[in-house]
N, C-alpha and C. Protein backbone atom coordinates (compact mmCIF):
# COMPACT_ATOMS: atom_id res chain seq x y z
N MET A 1 0.75 18.97 -5.40
CA MET A 1 1.44 19.73 -6.40
C MET A 1 0.66 19.72 -7.72
N THR A 2 0.16 18.56 -8.08
CA THR A 2 -0.61 18.45 -9.32
C THR A 2 -1.86 19.31 -9.28
N HIS A 3 -2.62 19.21 -8.19
CA HIS A 3 -3.87 19.97 -8.09
C HIS A 3 -3.60 21.47 -8.12
N ARG A 4 -2.55 21.90 -7.45
CA ARG A 4 -2.20 23.33 -7.43
C ARG A 4 -1.84 23.81 -8.84
N SER A 5 -1.04 23.03 -9.56
CA SER A 5 -0.65 23.48 -10.90
C SER A 5 -1.84 23.49 -11.86
N TYR A 6 -2.77 22.55 -11.72
CA TYR A 6 -3.97 22.57 -12.55
C TYR A 6 -4.82 23.81 -12.24
N ARG A 7 -4.91 24.14 -10.95
CA ARG A 7 -5.67 25.33 -10.55
C ARG A 7 -5.03 26.60 -11.13
N LEU A 8 -3.71 26.69 -11.04
CA LEU A 8 -3.00 27.84 -11.61
C LEU A 8 -3.20 27.93 -13.13
N GLU A 9 -3.19 26.77 -13.78
CA GLU A 9 -3.43 26.74 -15.23
C GLU A 9 -4.81 27.27 -15.57
N GLU A 10 -5.82 26.85 -14.82
CA GLU A 10 -7.18 27.34 -15.06
C GLU A 10 -7.25 28.85 -14.89
N ASN A 11 -6.60 29.37 -13.84
CA ASN A 11 -6.58 30.82 -13.62
C ASN A 11 -5.89 31.54 -14.78
N ALA A 12 -4.77 31.00 -15.24
CA ALA A 12 -4.03 31.62 -16.34
C ALA A 12 -4.85 31.61 -17.63
N GLU A 13 -5.62 30.55 -17.86
CA GLU A 13 -6.47 30.49 -19.05
C GLU A 13 -7.53 31.58 -19.03
N VAL A 14 -8.04 31.88 -17.83
CA VAL A 14 -9.06 32.92 -17.71
C VAL A 14 -8.50 34.28 -18.11
N TYR A 15 -7.33 34.65 -17.56
CA TYR A 15 -6.82 35.99 -17.86
C TYR A 15 -6.10 36.09 -19.19
N THR A 16 -5.84 34.98 -19.88
CA THR A 16 -5.24 35.06 -21.22
C THR A 16 -6.27 34.74 -22.32
N HIS A 17 -7.51 34.50 -21.93
CA HIS A 17 -8.55 34.15 -22.89
C HIS A 17 -8.68 35.26 -23.95
N GLY A 18 -8.63 34.88 -25.20
CA GLY A 18 -8.76 35.81 -26.30
C GLY A 18 -7.49 36.55 -26.65
N ARG A 19 -6.41 36.24 -25.96
CA ARG A 19 -5.14 36.91 -26.25
C ARG A 19 -4.28 36.02 -27.13
N ALA A 20 -3.37 36.65 -27.82
CA ALA A 20 -2.50 35.91 -28.75
C ALA A 20 -1.44 35.10 -28.02
N LEU A 21 -0.92 35.63 -26.92
CA LEU A 21 0.16 34.94 -26.21
C LEU A 21 -0.41 34.10 -25.06
N THR A 22 -0.23 32.80 -25.16
CA THR A 22 -0.75 31.88 -24.14
C THR A 22 0.38 31.06 -23.52
N HIS A 23 1.55 31.65 -23.48
CA HIS A 23 2.70 30.91 -22.96
C HIS A 23 2.53 30.52 -21.49
N HIS A 24 1.93 31.41 -20.70
CA HIS A 24 1.78 31.10 -19.28
C HIS A 24 0.88 29.88 -19.06
N PRO A 25 -0.34 29.83 -19.61
CA PRO A 25 -1.14 28.62 -19.41
C PRO A 25 -0.51 27.40 -20.07
N ASP A 26 0.18 27.58 -21.18
CA ASP A 26 0.85 26.44 -21.82
C ASP A 26 1.92 25.87 -20.90
N ALA A 27 2.69 26.75 -20.29
CA ALA A 27 3.74 26.30 -19.36
C ALA A 27 3.14 25.62 -18.15
N LEU A 28 2.05 26.18 -17.64
CA LEU A 28 1.39 25.57 -16.48
C LEU A 28 0.77 24.22 -16.83
N HIS A 29 0.28 24.09 -18.06
CA HIS A 29 -0.25 22.80 -18.50
C HIS A 29 0.86 21.76 -18.50
N GLU A 30 2.02 22.13 -19.03
CA GLU A 30 3.16 21.21 -19.05
C GLU A 30 3.60 20.87 -17.62
N LEU A 31 3.59 21.89 -16.74
CA LEU A 31 3.94 21.66 -15.34
C LEU A 31 2.97 20.68 -14.71
N SER A 32 1.68 20.85 -14.99
CA SER A 32 0.67 19.94 -14.44
C SER A 32 0.90 18.51 -14.90
N ARG A 33 1.20 18.36 -16.17
CA ARG A 33 1.44 17.02 -16.72
C ARG A 33 2.67 16.38 -16.06
N LEU A 34 3.74 17.16 -15.93
CA LEU A 34 4.95 16.64 -15.30
C LEU A 34 4.73 16.33 -13.82
N ALA A 35 3.97 17.21 -13.14
CA ALA A 35 3.68 16.97 -11.72
C ALA A 35 2.87 15.69 -11.55
N ASP A 36 1.92 15.47 -12.44
CA ASP A 36 1.11 14.25 -12.39
C ASP A 36 1.99 13.01 -12.55
N HIS A 37 2.89 13.04 -13.52
CA HIS A 37 3.80 11.91 -13.74
C HIS A 37 4.71 11.70 -12.52
N TYR A 38 5.20 12.80 -11.97
CA TYR A 38 6.07 12.71 -10.79
C TYR A 38 5.33 12.10 -9.60
N GLU A 39 4.14 12.64 -9.31
CA GLU A 39 3.38 12.14 -8.17
C GLU A 39 3.00 10.67 -8.35
N ARG A 40 2.62 10.31 -9.56
CA ARG A 40 2.26 8.91 -9.82
C ARG A 40 3.48 8.01 -9.67
N GLY A 41 4.63 8.47 -10.18
CA GLY A 41 5.86 7.68 -10.04
C GLY A 41 6.24 7.48 -8.59
N VAL A 42 6.14 8.55 -7.81
CA VAL A 42 6.46 8.45 -6.37
C VAL A 42 5.45 7.53 -5.69
N GLY A 43 4.18 7.67 -6.03
CA GLY A 43 3.15 6.81 -5.43
C GLY A 43 3.36 5.35 -5.75
N LEU A 44 3.69 5.05 -7.00
CA LEU A 44 3.92 3.65 -7.38
C LEU A 44 5.18 3.09 -6.72
N LEU A 45 6.22 3.89 -6.63
CA LEU A 45 7.44 3.46 -5.93
C LEU A 45 7.14 3.19 -4.46
N THR A 46 6.41 4.09 -3.85
CA THR A 46 6.04 3.91 -2.44
C THR A 46 5.18 2.67 -2.27
N TRP A 47 4.25 2.46 -3.20
CA TRP A 47 3.40 1.26 -3.13
C TRP A 47 4.24 -0.01 -3.17
N ARG A 48 5.19 -0.06 -4.11
CA ARG A 48 6.02 -1.27 -4.25
C ARG A 48 6.69 -1.62 -2.94
N TYR A 49 7.30 -0.64 -2.31
CA TYR A 49 8.05 -0.92 -1.09
C TYR A 49 7.16 -1.07 0.14
N ALA A 50 6.08 -0.31 0.23
CA ALA A 50 5.18 -0.43 1.38
C ALA A 50 4.43 -1.76 1.35
N SER A 51 4.00 -2.18 0.17
CA SER A 51 3.29 -3.47 0.08
C SER A 51 4.25 -4.62 0.39
N ALA A 52 5.49 -4.52 -0.09
CA ALA A 52 6.48 -5.55 0.23
C ALA A 52 6.77 -5.57 1.73
N ALA A 53 6.89 -4.39 2.34
CA ALA A 53 7.15 -4.32 3.78
C ALA A 53 6.01 -4.93 4.58
N ALA A 54 4.77 -4.71 4.13
CA ALA A 54 3.62 -5.28 4.84
C ALA A 54 3.62 -6.81 4.77
N VAL A 55 3.89 -7.34 3.59
CA VAL A 55 3.89 -8.81 3.43
C VAL A 55 5.09 -9.42 4.15
N LEU A 56 6.26 -8.83 4.00
CA LEU A 56 7.45 -9.33 4.68
C LEU A 56 7.29 -9.24 6.19
N GLY A 57 6.83 -8.09 6.68
CA GLY A 57 6.64 -7.93 8.12
C GLY A 57 5.65 -8.92 8.70
N THR A 58 4.54 -9.11 7.98
CA THR A 58 3.54 -10.08 8.43
C THR A 58 4.12 -11.48 8.46
N SER A 59 4.87 -11.85 7.43
CA SER A 59 5.46 -13.19 7.35
C SER A 59 6.44 -13.43 8.49
N ILE A 60 7.27 -12.46 8.77
CA ILE A 60 8.26 -12.62 9.84
C ILE A 60 7.57 -12.66 11.20
N LEU A 61 6.65 -11.72 11.45
CA LEU A 61 5.97 -11.69 12.74
C LEU A 61 5.18 -12.97 12.97
N ALA A 62 4.52 -13.49 11.94
CA ALA A 62 3.77 -14.75 12.09
C ALA A 62 4.71 -15.89 12.47
N ARG A 63 5.91 -15.91 11.91
CA ARG A 63 6.89 -16.96 12.25
C ARG A 63 7.41 -16.78 13.66
N VAL A 64 7.67 -15.55 14.05
CA VAL A 64 8.21 -15.30 15.39
C VAL A 64 7.19 -15.68 16.46
N VAL A 65 5.96 -15.17 16.34
CA VAL A 65 4.95 -15.47 17.37
C VAL A 65 4.50 -16.92 17.32
N GLY A 66 4.65 -17.56 16.18
CA GLY A 66 4.26 -18.96 16.04
C GLY A 66 5.40 -19.92 16.31
N SER A 67 6.57 -19.38 16.70
CA SER A 67 7.77 -20.20 16.98
C SER A 67 8.09 -21.13 15.82
N ARG A 68 7.96 -20.61 14.61
CA ARG A 68 8.29 -21.40 13.43
C ARG A 68 9.69 -21.04 12.97
N PRO A 69 10.31 -21.89 12.16
CA PRO A 69 11.68 -21.62 11.69
C PRO A 69 11.76 -20.32 10.90
N ALA A 70 12.94 -19.73 10.94
CA ALA A 70 13.18 -18.47 10.22
C ALA A 70 13.05 -18.69 8.72
N LEU A 71 12.74 -17.62 8.03
CA LEU A 71 12.69 -17.66 6.57
C LEU A 71 14.10 -17.81 6.02
N THR A 72 14.22 -18.45 4.89
CA THR A 72 15.52 -18.55 4.24
C THR A 72 15.87 -17.20 3.60
N ALA A 73 17.13 -17.01 3.28
CA ALA A 73 17.56 -15.77 2.63
C ALA A 73 16.85 -15.58 1.29
N SER A 74 16.68 -16.66 0.56
CA SER A 74 15.99 -16.53 -0.74
C SER A 74 14.51 -16.19 -0.56
N ALA A 75 13.89 -16.71 0.47
CA ALA A 75 12.48 -16.38 0.74
C ALA A 75 12.35 -14.91 1.13
N VAL A 76 13.27 -14.41 1.94
CA VAL A 76 13.24 -13.00 2.33
C VAL A 76 13.46 -12.12 1.10
N THR A 77 14.42 -12.51 0.26
CA THR A 77 14.68 -11.74 -0.96
C THR A 77 13.44 -11.68 -1.84
N ALA A 78 12.75 -12.80 -1.99
CA ALA A 78 11.52 -12.82 -2.79
C ALA A 78 10.44 -11.94 -2.17
N LEU A 79 10.35 -11.93 -0.84
CA LEU A 79 9.33 -11.13 -0.16
C LEU A 79 9.65 -9.64 -0.20
N CYS A 80 10.87 -9.28 -0.56
CA CYS A 80 11.24 -7.86 -0.68
C CYS A 80 10.80 -7.26 -2.01
N GLU A 81 10.31 -8.10 -2.92
CA GLU A 81 9.78 -7.61 -4.20
C GLU A 81 8.32 -7.24 -4.00
N GLU A 82 7.80 -6.40 -4.89
CA GLU A 82 6.38 -6.05 -4.81
C GLU A 82 5.55 -7.32 -4.84
N PRO A 83 4.67 -7.50 -3.87
CA PRO A 83 3.83 -8.70 -3.87
C PRO A 83 2.69 -8.58 -4.88
N THR A 84 2.13 -9.72 -5.21
CA THR A 84 0.89 -9.68 -5.98
C THR A 84 -0.20 -9.14 -5.05
N LEU A 85 -1.28 -8.70 -5.64
CA LEU A 85 -2.39 -8.23 -4.81
C LEU A 85 -2.95 -9.36 -3.96
N GLY A 86 -2.88 -10.59 -4.47
CA GLY A 86 -3.32 -11.75 -3.69
C GLY A 86 -2.42 -12.01 -2.49
N GLN A 87 -1.12 -11.85 -2.66
CA GLN A 87 -0.20 -12.01 -1.52
C GLN A 87 -0.48 -10.96 -0.46
N LEU A 88 -0.74 -9.74 -0.91
CA LEU A 88 -1.05 -8.67 0.04
C LEU A 88 -2.37 -8.98 0.75
N ARG A 89 -3.37 -9.43 0.00
CA ARG A 89 -4.66 -9.80 0.61
C ARG A 89 -4.47 -10.89 1.65
N ASP A 90 -3.65 -11.91 1.33
CA ASP A 90 -3.43 -12.99 2.28
C ASP A 90 -2.77 -12.50 3.55
N ALA A 91 -1.79 -11.59 3.41
CA ALA A 91 -1.11 -11.04 4.59
C ALA A 91 -2.10 -10.22 5.43
N LEU A 92 -2.95 -9.46 4.77
CA LEU A 92 -3.91 -8.62 5.49
C LEU A 92 -5.06 -9.43 6.07
N SER A 93 -5.20 -10.67 5.66
CA SER A 93 -6.28 -11.52 6.14
C SER A 93 -5.97 -12.17 7.49
N ILE A 94 -4.74 -12.07 7.94
CA ILE A 94 -4.36 -12.67 9.23
C ILE A 94 -4.85 -11.76 10.35
N PRO A 95 -5.72 -12.25 11.21
CA PRO A 95 -6.25 -11.41 12.29
C PRO A 95 -5.15 -10.93 13.24
N SER A 96 -5.35 -9.74 13.77
CA SER A 96 -4.37 -9.16 14.69
C SER A 96 -4.22 -10.00 15.96
N THR A 97 -5.26 -10.73 16.33
CA THR A 97 -5.16 -11.57 17.52
C THR A 97 -4.13 -12.68 17.33
N ASP A 98 -3.86 -13.05 16.08
CA ASP A 98 -2.86 -14.09 15.80
C ASP A 98 -1.45 -13.53 15.73
N LEU A 99 -1.30 -12.23 15.51
CA LEU A 99 0.03 -11.63 15.35
C LEU A 99 0.46 -10.80 16.55
N LEU A 100 -0.44 -10.03 17.09
CA LEU A 100 -0.08 -9.08 18.15
C LEU A 100 -0.39 -9.66 19.52
N ILE A 101 0.13 -10.85 19.76
CA ILE A 101 -0.21 -11.57 20.99
C ILE A 101 0.39 -10.93 22.23
N ALA A 102 1.40 -10.09 22.08
CA ALA A 102 2.01 -9.42 23.23
C ALA A 102 1.26 -8.15 23.60
N ARG A 103 0.26 -7.80 22.84
CA ARG A 103 -0.47 -6.55 23.06
C ARG A 103 -1.77 -6.76 23.84
N GLU A 104 -2.25 -5.66 24.40
CA GLU A 104 -3.50 -5.69 25.15
C GLU A 104 -4.66 -5.88 24.16
N PRO A 105 -5.76 -6.49 24.62
CA PRO A 105 -6.90 -6.73 23.72
C PRO A 105 -7.43 -5.46 23.05
N ALA A 106 -7.49 -4.35 23.75
CA ALA A 106 -8.00 -3.11 23.15
C ALA A 106 -7.09 -2.65 22.01
N PHE A 107 -5.80 -2.79 22.19
CA PHE A 107 -4.85 -2.41 21.14
C PHE A 107 -5.04 -3.31 19.92
N ARG A 108 -5.16 -4.64 20.17
CA ARG A 108 -5.36 -5.58 19.07
C ARG A 108 -6.66 -5.29 18.33
N ASP A 109 -7.73 -4.98 19.07
CA ASP A 109 -9.02 -4.70 18.44
C ASP A 109 -8.93 -3.46 17.54
N ARG A 110 -8.29 -2.41 18.05
CA ARG A 110 -8.15 -1.19 17.27
C ARG A 110 -7.32 -1.46 16.01
N HIS A 111 -6.24 -2.20 16.18
CA HIS A 111 -5.38 -2.54 15.05
C HIS A 111 -6.13 -3.42 14.05
N ASP A 112 -6.97 -4.31 14.55
CA ASP A 112 -7.71 -5.20 13.67
C ASP A 112 -8.72 -4.42 12.83
N GLU A 113 -9.32 -3.39 13.39
CA GLU A 113 -10.23 -2.55 12.61
C GLU A 113 -9.48 -1.87 11.46
N GLU A 114 -8.28 -1.37 11.75
CA GLU A 114 -7.46 -0.73 10.71
C GLU A 114 -7.06 -1.75 9.65
N ARG A 115 -6.71 -2.96 10.09
CA ARG A 115 -6.32 -4.02 9.14
C ARG A 115 -7.48 -4.37 8.23
N GLN A 116 -8.67 -4.51 8.80
CA GLN A 116 -9.84 -4.86 8.00
C GLN A 116 -10.20 -3.74 7.01
N ALA A 117 -10.05 -2.49 7.43
CA ALA A 117 -10.32 -1.36 6.52
C ALA A 117 -9.31 -1.37 5.36
N LEU A 118 -8.06 -1.68 5.67
CA LEU A 118 -7.04 -1.77 4.62
C LEU A 118 -7.34 -2.93 3.68
N LEU A 119 -7.72 -4.07 4.22
CA LEU A 119 -8.09 -5.21 3.39
C LEU A 119 -9.26 -4.85 2.47
N HIS A 120 -10.24 -4.18 3.01
CA HIS A 120 -11.40 -3.75 2.19
C HIS A 120 -10.95 -2.80 1.08
N ALA A 121 -10.01 -1.90 1.39
CA ALA A 121 -9.51 -0.96 0.39
C ALA A 121 -8.76 -1.69 -0.72
N VAL A 122 -7.99 -2.72 -0.38
CA VAL A 122 -7.28 -3.50 -1.39
C VAL A 122 -8.28 -4.25 -2.26
N GLU A 123 -9.34 -4.76 -1.68
CA GLU A 123 -10.38 -5.40 -2.48
C GLU A 123 -11.02 -4.40 -3.44
N GLY A 124 -11.12 -3.13 -3.01
CA GLY A 124 -11.64 -2.08 -3.88
C GLY A 124 -10.73 -1.82 -5.07
N VAL A 125 -9.43 -1.98 -4.87
CA VAL A 125 -8.47 -1.83 -5.97
C VAL A 125 -8.80 -2.82 -7.08
N ILE A 126 -9.11 -4.04 -6.71
CA ILE A 126 -9.44 -5.08 -7.68
C ILE A 126 -10.68 -4.68 -8.48
N GLU A 127 -11.69 -4.16 -7.79
CA GLU A 127 -12.91 -3.75 -8.48
C GLU A 127 -12.63 -2.63 -9.47
N PHE A 128 -11.83 -1.65 -9.06
CA PHE A 128 -11.52 -0.52 -9.94
C PHE A 128 -10.64 -0.97 -11.10
N ALA A 129 -9.64 -1.81 -10.83
CA ALA A 129 -8.73 -2.28 -11.88
C ALA A 129 -9.48 -3.08 -12.94
N ALA A 130 -10.49 -3.84 -12.52
CA ALA A 130 -11.25 -4.68 -13.45
C ALA A 130 -11.98 -3.84 -14.50
N GLU A 131 -12.21 -2.56 -14.21
CA GLU A 131 -12.94 -1.69 -15.12
C GLU A 131 -12.02 -0.88 -16.04
N LEU A 132 -10.72 -0.98 -15.87
CA LEU A 132 -9.79 -0.13 -16.62
C LEU A 132 -9.68 -0.47 -18.10
N GLY A 133 -9.77 -1.75 -18.45
CA GLY A 133 -9.51 -2.13 -19.83
C GLY A 133 -8.05 -1.89 -20.16
N ASP A 134 -7.73 -1.50 -21.37
CA ASP A 134 -6.37 -1.13 -21.77
C ASP A 134 -5.33 -2.18 -21.36
N GLY A 135 -5.68 -3.46 -21.58
CA GLY A 135 -4.74 -4.53 -21.28
C GLY A 135 -4.76 -5.03 -19.85
N VAL A 136 -5.58 -4.43 -19.00
CA VAL A 136 -5.71 -4.89 -17.62
C VAL A 136 -6.79 -5.97 -17.60
N PRO A 137 -6.49 -7.14 -17.06
CA PRO A 137 -7.49 -8.21 -17.07
C PRO A 137 -8.74 -7.82 -16.28
N ALA A 138 -9.88 -8.28 -16.73
CA ALA A 138 -11.13 -8.03 -16.03
C ALA A 138 -11.44 -9.15 -15.06
N ASP A 139 -10.75 -10.27 -15.21
CA ASP A 139 -10.96 -11.46 -14.37
C ASP A 139 -10.34 -11.24 -12.99
N ALA A 140 -11.12 -11.45 -11.95
CA ALA A 140 -10.65 -11.22 -10.58
C ALA A 140 -9.43 -12.09 -10.24
N ALA A 141 -9.43 -13.35 -10.67
CA ALA A 141 -8.30 -14.24 -10.35
C ALA A 141 -7.01 -13.71 -10.97
N ALA A 142 -7.08 -13.23 -12.20
CA ALA A 142 -5.89 -12.68 -12.86
C ALA A 142 -5.44 -11.39 -12.18
N LEU A 143 -6.38 -10.60 -11.70
CA LEU A 143 -6.02 -9.37 -11.00
C LEU A 143 -5.35 -9.68 -9.67
N TRP A 144 -5.88 -10.64 -8.92
CA TRP A 144 -5.26 -11.02 -7.64
C TRP A 144 -3.86 -11.60 -7.87
N ALA A 145 -3.63 -12.22 -9.01
CA ALA A 145 -2.32 -12.81 -9.31
C ALA A 145 -1.32 -11.77 -9.83
N GLY A 146 -1.79 -10.56 -10.10
CA GLY A 146 -0.93 -9.52 -10.65
C GLY A 146 -0.52 -8.49 -9.62
N ARG A 147 0.33 -7.59 -10.07
CA ARG A 147 0.84 -6.52 -9.21
C ARG A 147 0.18 -5.20 -9.58
N LEU A 148 -0.09 -4.40 -8.57
CA LEU A 148 -0.75 -3.12 -8.79
C LEU A 148 0.01 -2.26 -9.77
N THR A 149 1.32 -2.20 -9.67
CA THR A 149 2.10 -1.33 -10.56
C THR A 149 1.98 -1.75 -12.02
N ALA A 150 1.71 -3.03 -12.28
CA ALA A 150 1.55 -3.49 -13.66
C ALA A 150 0.20 -3.08 -14.23
N PHE A 151 -0.76 -2.80 -13.36
CA PHE A 151 -2.11 -2.46 -13.81
C PHE A 151 -2.33 -0.95 -13.91
N ASP A 152 -1.44 -0.15 -13.37
CA ASP A 152 -1.62 1.29 -13.37
C ASP A 152 -1.63 1.84 -14.80
N ARG A 153 -2.53 2.75 -15.10
CA ARG A 153 -2.64 3.35 -16.42
C ARG A 153 -2.74 4.86 -16.28
N LEU A 154 -1.93 5.57 -17.06
CA LEU A 154 -2.03 7.02 -17.09
C LEU A 154 -3.41 7.41 -17.62
N GLY A 155 -3.88 8.55 -17.23
CA GLY A 155 -5.19 9.01 -17.67
C GLY A 155 -6.31 8.51 -16.79
N THR A 156 -5.99 7.73 -15.77
CA THR A 156 -6.98 7.27 -14.80
C THR A 156 -6.47 7.65 -13.42
N ASP A 157 -7.35 7.61 -12.44
CA ASP A 157 -6.90 7.83 -11.07
C ASP A 157 -5.95 6.70 -10.70
N PRO A 158 -4.89 7.00 -9.95
CA PRO A 158 -3.97 5.94 -9.55
C PRO A 158 -4.69 4.86 -8.73
N LEU A 159 -4.37 3.63 -8.98
CA LEU A 159 -5.01 2.52 -8.26
C LEU A 159 -4.74 2.56 -6.76
N TYR A 160 -3.60 3.12 -6.38
CA TYR A 160 -3.23 3.16 -4.96
C TYR A 160 -3.94 4.27 -4.20
N GLU A 161 -4.63 5.16 -4.92
CA GLU A 161 -5.26 6.31 -4.28
C GLU A 161 -6.27 5.84 -3.24
N GLY A 162 -6.16 6.38 -2.04
CA GLY A 162 -7.04 6.00 -0.95
C GLY A 162 -6.59 4.75 -0.20
N VAL A 163 -5.63 4.02 -0.75
CA VAL A 163 -5.15 2.80 -0.11
C VAL A 163 -3.76 3.03 0.49
N LEU A 164 -2.94 3.77 -0.21
CA LEU A 164 -1.56 3.98 0.20
C LEU A 164 -1.47 4.64 1.57
N ALA A 165 -2.37 5.59 1.85
CA ALA A 165 -2.35 6.27 3.15
C ALA A 165 -2.62 5.30 4.30
N ARG A 166 -3.36 4.24 4.05
CA ARG A 166 -3.60 3.21 5.08
C ARG A 166 -2.47 2.18 5.13
N LEU A 167 -1.89 1.91 3.96
CA LEU A 167 -0.85 0.88 3.87
C LEU A 167 0.44 1.31 4.56
N LEU A 168 0.81 2.57 4.42
CA LEU A 168 2.08 3.04 4.99
C LEU A 168 2.18 2.82 6.50
N PRO A 169 1.21 3.28 7.30
CA PRO A 169 1.34 3.03 8.75
C PRO A 169 1.29 1.55 9.10
N PHE A 170 0.52 0.78 8.33
CA PHE A 170 0.46 -0.66 8.58
C PHE A 170 1.84 -1.28 8.37
N ALA A 171 2.50 -0.92 7.28
CA ALA A 171 3.82 -1.48 6.96
C ALA A 171 4.88 -1.00 7.95
N GLN A 172 4.76 0.22 8.41
CA GLN A 172 5.77 0.80 9.30
C GLN A 172 5.72 0.26 10.71
N GLN A 173 4.66 -0.42 11.08
CA GLN A 173 4.51 -0.89 12.45
C GLN A 173 5.38 -2.10 12.80
N PHE A 174 5.81 -2.86 11.80
CA PHE A 174 6.40 -4.16 12.08
C PHE A 174 7.70 -4.13 12.88
N PRO A 175 8.66 -3.27 12.59
CA PRO A 175 9.86 -3.27 13.44
C PRO A 175 9.53 -3.04 14.92
N HIS A 176 8.58 -2.15 15.18
CA HIS A 176 8.18 -1.90 16.56
C HIS A 176 7.51 -3.13 17.17
N GLU A 177 6.67 -3.80 16.38
CA GLU A 177 5.99 -4.99 16.91
C GLU A 177 6.96 -6.13 17.18
N PHE A 178 7.98 -6.28 16.33
CA PHE A 178 9.01 -7.30 16.60
C PHE A 178 9.67 -7.01 17.94
N SER A 179 10.07 -5.77 18.12
CA SER A 179 10.75 -5.35 19.35
C SER A 179 9.84 -5.55 20.57
N TRP A 180 8.59 -5.14 20.45
CA TRP A 180 7.64 -5.27 21.55
C TRP A 180 7.45 -6.75 21.93
N TYR A 181 7.28 -7.58 20.92
CA TYR A 181 7.09 -9.01 21.19
C TYR A 181 8.32 -9.59 21.89
N LEU A 182 9.52 -9.29 21.37
CA LEU A 182 10.74 -9.84 21.95
C LEU A 182 10.95 -9.37 23.39
N LYS A 183 10.65 -8.11 23.68
CA LYS A 183 10.77 -7.61 25.06
C LYS A 183 9.81 -8.33 25.99
N GLN A 184 8.56 -8.50 25.54
CA GLN A 184 7.56 -9.19 26.36
C GLN A 184 7.93 -10.67 26.54
N SER A 185 8.47 -11.26 25.49
CA SER A 185 8.87 -12.66 25.55
C SER A 185 10.01 -12.85 26.55
N ARG A 186 11.02 -11.98 26.47
CA ARG A 186 12.16 -12.07 27.41
C ARG A 186 11.73 -11.84 28.85
N ALA A 187 10.75 -10.97 29.03
CA ALA A 187 10.27 -10.67 30.38
C ALA A 187 9.31 -11.74 30.88
N GLY A 188 8.92 -12.67 30.02
CA GLY A 188 8.00 -13.75 30.40
C GLY A 188 6.58 -13.25 30.63
N THR A 189 6.19 -12.17 29.95
CA THR A 189 4.87 -11.59 30.19
C THR A 189 3.90 -11.80 29.04
N LEU A 190 4.20 -12.73 28.15
CA LEU A 190 3.26 -12.98 27.05
C LEU A 190 2.02 -13.68 27.58
N PRO A 191 0.83 -13.23 27.16
CA PRO A 191 -0.39 -13.85 27.65
C PRO A 191 -0.57 -15.30 27.22
N ARG A 192 -0.09 -15.61 26.04
CA ARG A 192 -0.16 -16.99 25.54
C ARG A 192 0.81 -17.11 24.39
N GLN A 193 1.25 -18.30 24.11
CA GLN A 193 2.13 -18.56 22.97
C GLN A 193 1.33 -19.29 21.91
N ILE A 194 1.58 -18.95 20.66
CA ILE A 194 0.95 -19.66 19.55
C ILE A 194 1.94 -20.70 19.08
N ARG A 195 1.52 -21.90 18.99
CA ARG A 195 2.39 -22.97 18.47
C ARG A 195 1.82 -23.46 17.16
N ALA A 196 2.62 -23.46 16.13
CA ALA A 196 2.14 -23.91 14.82
C ALA A 196 2.66 -25.29 14.51
């Protein structure tokens, strides 16, 4: 929506160039600004919930496949908040072979490639955020301890750009993986059990 409105604004500027009335390009400029704010707001909202779903899903699946005790209600509540970038990195650092034990090796390998690409993209967020200035820390440790939404600045490309498209399918997989693991477990067809 933003790119389309900017393109329309450029076209309107061409045909109103040198004319006294510029209401059309002015309106399109305002539309572009509002569209940018809207898209960024939706992107940041989606990031908050998708990153939380990825960390929560990873935490639960790791406990289930590792036969560890369930998370407490307060721990689950805390994991439903936007994680720090470091928490997200830690969740993405768990190899698929440790989580998707009910799956075939080829499936785990394919999933692990996607996980590693997502982890690399999150590391790229840190590099980009470190260059923003405007109150965003340049120190990597402070960036890993912070949340992406706190570092976002208008007038720059959104930090989630290029990462959110990978994060969404990763986060959405967990309910299916819980179900798949439990079905395989009940059927007694798990290749191995992880004991922590």
